[in-house]
C-alpha atoms as a PDB file:
ATOM      1  CA  MET A   1     222.175  94.722 176.497  1.00  0.00           C
ATOM      2  CA  GLN A   2     218.900  94.578 178.425  1.00  0.00           C
ATOM      3  CA  THR A   3     216.001  94.628 175.943  1.00  0.00           C
ATOM      4  CA  THR A   4     213.086  94.852 178.352  1.00  0.00           C
ATOM      5  CA  GLY A   5     212.279  97.052 181.289  1.00  0.00           C
ATOM      6  CA  ARG A   6     209.319  98.766 182.839  1.00  0.00           C
ATOM      7  CA  ILE A   7     207.810 102.154 183.479  1.00  0.00           C
ATOM      8  CA  VAL A   8     208.230 103.282 187.087  1.00  0.00           C
ATOM      9  CA  CYS A   9     206.432 106.652 186.939  1.00  0.00           C
ATOM     10  CA  VAL A  10     204.792 108.966 184.429  1.00  0.00           C
ATOM     11  CA  ALA A  11     204.519 112.751 184.683  1.00  0.00           C
ATOM     12  CA  ARG A  12     203.470 115.889 182.842  1.00  0.00           C
ATOM     13  CA  HIS A  13     203.030 119.590 183.484  1.00  0.00           C
ATOM     14  CA  GLY A  14     200.837 121.970 181.523  1.00  0.00           C
ATOM     15  CA  GLU A  15     203.158 124.916 182.108  1.00  0.00           C
ATOM     16  CA  HIS A  16     206.864 125.386 181.485  1.00  0.00           C
ATOM     17  CA  ALA A  17     208.238 124.303 184.850  1.00  0.00           C
ATOM     18  CA  PHE A  18     211.454 122.497 185.769  1.00  0.00           C
ATOM     19  CA  SER A  19     209.745 119.530 187.446  1.00  0.00           C
ATOM     20  CA  LYS A  20     206.730 117.534 186.229  1.00  0.00           C
ATOM     21  CA  ARG A  21     203.727 116.332 188.226  1.00  0.00           C
ATOM     22  CA  LEU A  22     203.339 112.583 188.701  1.00  0.00           C
ATOM     23  CA  CYS A  23     200.209 111.041 187.178  1.00  0.00           C
ATOM     24  CA  GLN A  24     198.500 107.669 187.274  1.00  0.00           C
ATOM     25  CA  GLN A  25     198.689 107.530 183.476  1.00  0.00           C
ATOM     26  CA  ILE A  26     199.531 109.760 180.521  1.00  0.00           C
ATOM     27  CA  THR A  27     198.182 109.897 176.988  1.00  0.00           C
ATOM     28  CA  LEU A  28     200.767 110.082 174.219  1.00  0.00           C
ATOM     29  CA  LEU A  29     199.725 111.619 170.909  1.00  0.00           C
ATOM     30  CA  ALA A  30     201.463 110.486 167.704  1.00  0.00           C
ATOM     31  CA  GLY A  31     203.692 113.195 166.277  1.00  0.00           C
ATOM     32  CA  ARG A  32     202.962 115.586 169.165  1.00  0.00           C
ATOM     33  CA  GLY A  33     203.955 114.279 172.589  1.00  0.00           C
ATOM     34  CA  ILE A  34     202.073 114.054 175.854  1.00  0.00           C
ATOM     35  CA  GLU A  35     198.555 115.395 176.094  1.00  0.00           C
ATOM     36  CA  GLY A  36     198.428 118.228 178.612  1.00  0.00           C
ATOM     37  CA  ASP A  37     202.203 118.751 178.717  1.00  0.00           C
ATOM     38  CA  ALA A  38     203.778 122.118 177.902  1.00  0.00           C
ATOM     39  CA  HIS A  39     206.137 120.458 175.397  1.00  0.00           C
ATOM     40  CA  CYS A  40     203.351 118.830 173.356  1.00  0.00           C
ATOM     41  CA  GLY A  41     203.313 119.863 169.708  1.00  0.00           C
ATOM     42  CA  GLU A  42     204.629 119.150 166.232  1.00  0.00           C
ATOM     43  CA  THR A  43     207.075 122.062 166.424  1.00  0.00           C
ATOM     44  CA  VAL A  44     209.593 122.702 169.178  1.00  0.00           C
ATOM     45  CA  LYS A  45     208.209 124.013 172.509  1.00  0.00           C
ATOM     46  CA  HIS A  46     211.404 124.366 174.533  1.00  0.00           C
ATOM     47  CA  ARG A  47     211.673 128.133 175.118  1.00  0.00           C
ATOM     48  CA  SER A  48     215.322 128.632 174.140  1.00  0.00           C
ATOM     49  CA  ARG A  49     214.821 126.645 170.929  1.00  0.00           C
ATOM     50  CA  VAL A  50     211.604 128.508 170.060  1.00  0.00           C
ATOM     51  CA  ALA A  51     213.578 131.759 170.343  1.00  0.00           C
ATOM     52  CA  VAL A  52     216.055 130.495 167.712  1.00  0.00           C
ATOM     53  CA  ASN A  53     213.526 128.930 165.315  1.00  0.00           C
ATOM     54  CA  PRO A  54     209.908 128.271 166.328  1.00  0.00           C
ATOM     55  CA  ASN A  55     209.277 126.211 163.168  1.00  0.00           C
ATOM     56  CA  GLN A  56     211.807 123.440 163.798  1.00  0.00           C
ATOM     57  CA  PRO A  57     210.367 119.968 164.388  1.00  0.00           C
ATOM     58  CA  ASN A  58     209.805 118.891 167.978  1.00  0.00           C
ATOM     59  CA  LEU A  59     212.355 116.139 168.570  1.00  0.00           C
ATOM     60  CA  ARG A  60     211.885 116.538 172.339  1.00  0.00           C
ATOM     61  CA  GLN A  61     208.265 115.399 172.694  1.00  0.00           C
ATOM     62  CA  VAL A  62     208.979 112.927 175.510  1.00  0.00           C
ATOM     63  CA  HIS A  63     211.788 112.989 178.093  1.00  0.00           C
ATOM     64  CA  LEU A  64     212.825 109.673 179.677  1.00  0.00           C
ATOM     65  CA  ILE A  65     215.201 109.048 182.590  1.00  0.00           C
ATOM     66  CA  ALA A  66     216.302 105.746 184.101  1.00  0.00           C
ATOM     67  CA  GLU A  67     215.469 105.417 187.789  1.00  0.00           C
ATOM     68  CA  GLU A  68     218.946 103.967 188.258  1.00  0.00           C
ATOM     69  CA  LEU A  69     220.377 107.502 187.825  1.00  0.00           C
ATOM     70  CA  PHE A  70     218.561 108.622 190.972  1.00  0.00           C
ATOM     71  CA  GLU A  71     220.134 105.717 192.870  1.00  0.00           C
ATOM     72  CA  GLU A  72     223.588 106.842 191.690  1.00  0.00           C
ATOM     73  CA  LEU A  73     222.916 110.397 192.871  1.00  0.00           C
ATOM     74  CA  THR A  74     221.742 109.486 196.407  1.00  0.00           C
ATOM     75  CA  PRO A  75     225.170 108.553 197.839  1.00  0.00           C
ATOM     76  CA  LYS A  76     226.514 111.805 196.379  1.00  0.00           C
ATOM     77  CA  GLY A  77     224.111 113.736 198.624  1.00  0.00           C
ATOM     78  CA  PHE A  78     221.314 114.479 196.145  1.00  0.00           C
ATOM     79  CA  SER A  79     217.644 113.719 196.648  1.00  0.00           C
ATOM     80  CA  VAL A  80     215.986 113.258 193.257  1.00  0.00           C
ATOM     81  CA  LYS A  81     212.656 111.572 192.656  1.00  0.00           C
ATOM     82  CA  PRO A  82     210.689 110.757 189.482  1.00  0.00           C
ATOM     83  CA  GLY A  83     209.456 113.908 187.745  1.00  0.00           C
ATOM     84  CA  ASP A  84     211.938 116.158 189.570  1.00  0.00           C
ATOM     85  CA  LEU A  85     214.240 116.613 186.558  1.00  0.00           C
ATOM     86  CA  GLY A  86     211.380 117.269 184.168  1.00  0.00           C
ATOM     87  CA  GLU A  87     211.116 113.773 182.744  1.00  0.00           C
ATOM     88  CA  ASN A  88     207.804 112.414 181.523  1.00  0.00           C
ATOM     89  CA  ILE A  89     208.657 108.742 181.904  1.00  0.00           C
ATOM     90  CA  THR A  90     210.908 107.183 184.535  1.00  0.00           C
ATOM     91  CA  THR A  91     212.143 103.739 183.499  1.00  0.00           C
ATOM     92  CA  ARG A  92     213.827 100.784 185.169  1.00  0.00           C
ATOM     93  CA  GLY A  93     215.918  98.000 183.712  1.00  0.00           C
ATOM     94  CA  ILE A  94     217.073  99.613 180.446  1.00  0.00           C
ATOM     95  CA  ASP A  95     220.318 101.535 179.938  1.00  0.00           C
ATOM     96  CA  LEU A  96     218.675 104.331 177.974  1.00  0.00           C
ATOM     97  CA  LEU A  97     221.940 106.209 177.438  1.00  0.00           C
ATOM     98  CA  SER A  98     223.567 103.284 175.619  1.00  0.00           C
ATOM     99  CA  LEU A  99     220.788 102.895 173.049  1.00  0.00           C
ATOM    100  CA  PRO A 100     221.428 104.092 169.484  1.00  0.00           C
ATOM    101  CA  LEU A 101     219.619 106.827 167.602  1.00  0.00           C
ATOM    102  CA  GLY A 102     216.342 105.578 166.128  1.00  0.00           C
ATOM    103  CA  THR A 103     215.755 102.909 168.777  1.00  0.00           C
ATOM    104  CA  LYS A 104     212.057 102.266 169.251  1.00  0.00           C
ATOM    105  CA  LEU A 105     210.632 101.722 172.725  1.00  0.00           C
ATOM    106  CA  LYS A 106     207.358  99.821 172.755  1.00  0.00           C
ATOM    107  CA  MET A 107     205.357 100.581 175.895  1.00  0.00           C
ATOM    108  CA  GLY A 108     202.099  99.260 177.203  1.00  0.00           C
ATOM    109  CA  PRO A 109     199.574  97.895 174.747  1.00  0.00           C
ATOM    110  CA  GLN A 110     200.293 100.224 171.795  1.00  0.00           C
ATOM    111  CA  VAL A 111     202.672 103.147 172.417  1.00  0.00           C
ATOM    112  CA  VAL A 112     205.879 103.372 170.368  1.00  0.00           C
ATOM    113  CA  LEU A 113     208.522 106.043 170.975  1.00  0.00           C
ATOM    114  CA  GLU A 114     211.589 106.668 168.813  1.00  0.00           C
ATOM    115  CA  LEU A 115     214.764 107.982 170.452  1.00  0.00           C
ATOM    116  CA  THR A 116     216.002 111.242 168.936  1.00  0.00           C
ATOM    117  CA  GLY A 117     218.882 112.168 171.230  1.00  0.00           C
ATOM    118  CA  LEU A 118     220.232 113.027 174.652  1.00  0.00           C
ATOM    119  CA  ARG A 119     218.799 115.642 176.940  1.00  0.00           C
ATOM    120  CA  ASN A 120     221.262 118.399 177.621  1.00  0.00           C
ATOM    121  CA  PRO A 121     221.000 119.560 181.225  1.00  0.00           C
ATOM    122  CA  CYS A 122     220.769 123.326 181.668  1.00  0.00           C
ATOM    123  CA  LYS A 123     221.688 125.662 184.532  1.00  0.00           C
ATOM    124  CA  GLN A 124     218.193 125.248 186.021  1.00  0.00           C
ATOM    125  CA  ILE A 125     219.341 121.872 187.303  1.00  0.00           C
ATOM    126  CA  ASP A 126     221.718 123.611 189.742  1.00  0.00           C
ATOM    127  CA  ALA A 127     218.880 125.888 190.867  1.00  0.00           C
ATOM    128  CA  PHE A 128     216.961 122.713 191.716  1.00  0.00           C
ATOM    129  CA  GLN A 129     219.881 121.307 193.757  1.00  0.00           C
ATOM    130  CA  ASN A 130     223.286 122.964 193.889  1.00  0.00           C
ATOM    131  CA  GLY A 131     225.967 120.875 192.182  1.00  0.00           C
ATOM    132  CA  LEU A 132     223.499 118.554 190.448  1.00  0.00           C
ATOM    133  CA  MET A 133     224.551 119.709 186.974  1.00  0.00           C
ATOM    134  CA  GLN A 134     228.062 118.365 187.471  1.00  0.00           C
ATOM    135  CA  ALA A 135     226.668 115.139 188.936  1.00  0.00           C
ATOM    136  CA  VAL A 136     224.611 114.364 185.811  1.00  0.00           C
ATOM    137  CA  LEU A 137     227.582 114.899 183.514  1.00  0.00           C
ATOM    138  CA  GLY A 138     230.104 112.126 183.036  1.00  0.00           C
ATOM    139  CA  ARG A 139     233.267 111.388 181.059  1.00  0.00           C
ATOM    140  CA  ASP A 140     233.793 108.710 178.425  1.00  0.00           C
ATOM    141  CA  GLU A 141     236.976 106.654 177.921  1.00  0.00           C
ATOM    142  CA  ALA A 142     238.522 109.495 175.894  1.00  0.00           C
ATOM    143  CA  GLY A 143     237.699 112.063 178.590  1.00  0.00           C
ATOM    144  CA  ALA A 144     234.911 113.770 176.629  1.00  0.00           C
ATOM    145  CA  ILE A 145     231.874 114.997 178.568  1.00  0.00           C
ATOM    146  CA  THR A 146     228.851 112.698 178.446  1.00  0.00           C
ATOM    147  CA  LEU A 147     225.266 113.766 179.083  1.00  0.00           C
ATOM    148  CA  ARG A 148     223.466 111.540 181.604  1.00  0.00           C
ATOM    149  CA  ALA A 149     220.221 113.479 182.232  1.00  0.00           C
ATOM    150  CA  GLY A 150     218.075 111.192 180.096  1.00  0.00           C
ATOM    151  CA  VAL A 151     217.000 110.764 176.504  1.00  0.00           C
ATOM    152  CA  MET A 152     214.467 112.455 174.260  1.00  0.00           C
ATOM    153  CA  ALA A 153     211.957 110.800 171.941  1.00  0.00           C
ATOM    154  CA  ILE A 154     209.121 111.402 169.533  1.00  0.00           C
ATOM    155  CA  VAL A 155     205.800 109.563 169.630  1.00  0.00           C
ATOM    156  CA  VAL A 156     205.382 107.196 166.668  1.00  0.00           C
ATOM    157  CA  CYS A 157     202.210 105.459 167.920  1.00  0.00           C
ATOM    158  CA  GLY A 158     200.098 107.038 170.626  1.00  0.00           C
ATOM    159  CA  GLY A 159     198.044 105.632 173.470  1.00  0.00           C
ATOM    160  CA  LEU A 160     198.008 105.366 177.249  1.00  0.00           C
ATOM    161  CA  VAL A 161     200.935 104.343 179.453  1.00  0.00           C
ATOM    162  CA  GLN A 162     201.157 103.949 183.192  1.00  0.00           C
ATOM    163  CA  PRO A 163     203.542 102.726 185.879  1.00  0.00           C
ATOM    164  CA  SER A 164     204.345  99.003 185.666  1.00  0.00           C
ATOM    165  CA  ASP A 165     203.809  98.882 181.875  1.00  0.00           C
ATOM    166  CA  GLU A 166     206.512  96.849 180.150  1.00  0.00           C
ATOM    167  CA  ILE A 167     209.013  98.480 177.801  1.00  0.00           C
ATOM    168  CA  CYS A 168     210.495  96.488 174.909  1.00  0.00           C
ATOM    169  CA  VAL A 169     213.549  97.768 173.040  1.00  0.00           C
ATOM    170  CA  ASP A 170     213.576  97.500 169.229  1.00  0.00           C
ATOM    171  CA  LEU A 171     217.015  98.434 167.899  1.00  0.00           C
ATOM    172  CA  PRO A 172     217.377 100.101 164.484  1.00  0.00           C
ATOM    173  CA  PRO A 173     219.324  98.464 161.643  1.00  0.00           C
ATOM    174  CA  MET A 174     223.106  98.580 161.911  1.00  0.00           C
ATOM    175  CA  PRO A 175     225.344 100.476 161.720  1.00  0.00           C
ATOM    176  CA  TYR A 176     224.201 102.188 164.893  1.00  0.00           C
ATOM    177  CA  LYS A 177     224.527 105.931 165.383  1.00  0.00           C
ATOM    178  CA  ARG A 178     225.074 107.061 168.938  1.00  0.00           C
ATOM    179  CA  LEU A 179     222.719 109.497 170.579  1.00  0.00           C
ATOM    180  CA  GLU A 180     223.821 113.124 170.479  1.00  0.00           C
ATOM    181  CA  ARG A 181     222.476 116.229 172.224  1.00  0.00           C
ATOM    182  CA  VAL A 182     219.082 117.199 170.833  1.00  0.00           C
END
């Protein structure tokens, strides 16, 4: 398993929009998320989850996607760039989807994120590009559907991150628990 990678792009959007705007750097706030992003806060900010229970903890403070996914989608006829799928951090060199629950990602000089689960793609993804929803779903060895639209994390230690910052993977103690939809 690759234990180091790098940040390719960072993005945020102050309003609830499907895609995020690329930035030169972002500020992560411990226990809250990304400064200036619509999903920043201690409690959940995702609209459908707020409607169910606005007091639940925000386990979706930061959305990460591996750039390698975009490369897989290109030959299938899709054009997806960093920020397009609503991710805050686009990575390279780490298989985010294979990491266990509780993995810590150390980024830049001081930021630490903790993985909380998989992002579940919603129907808006097909509004972005028709058929993309099916393309970001996969099947495991048993034939069960797998979610490939990135991972979600909380901010343990805040600070600034920017493209080209290194990412170091710190796995939790065994036994590992696989990431589930969050």
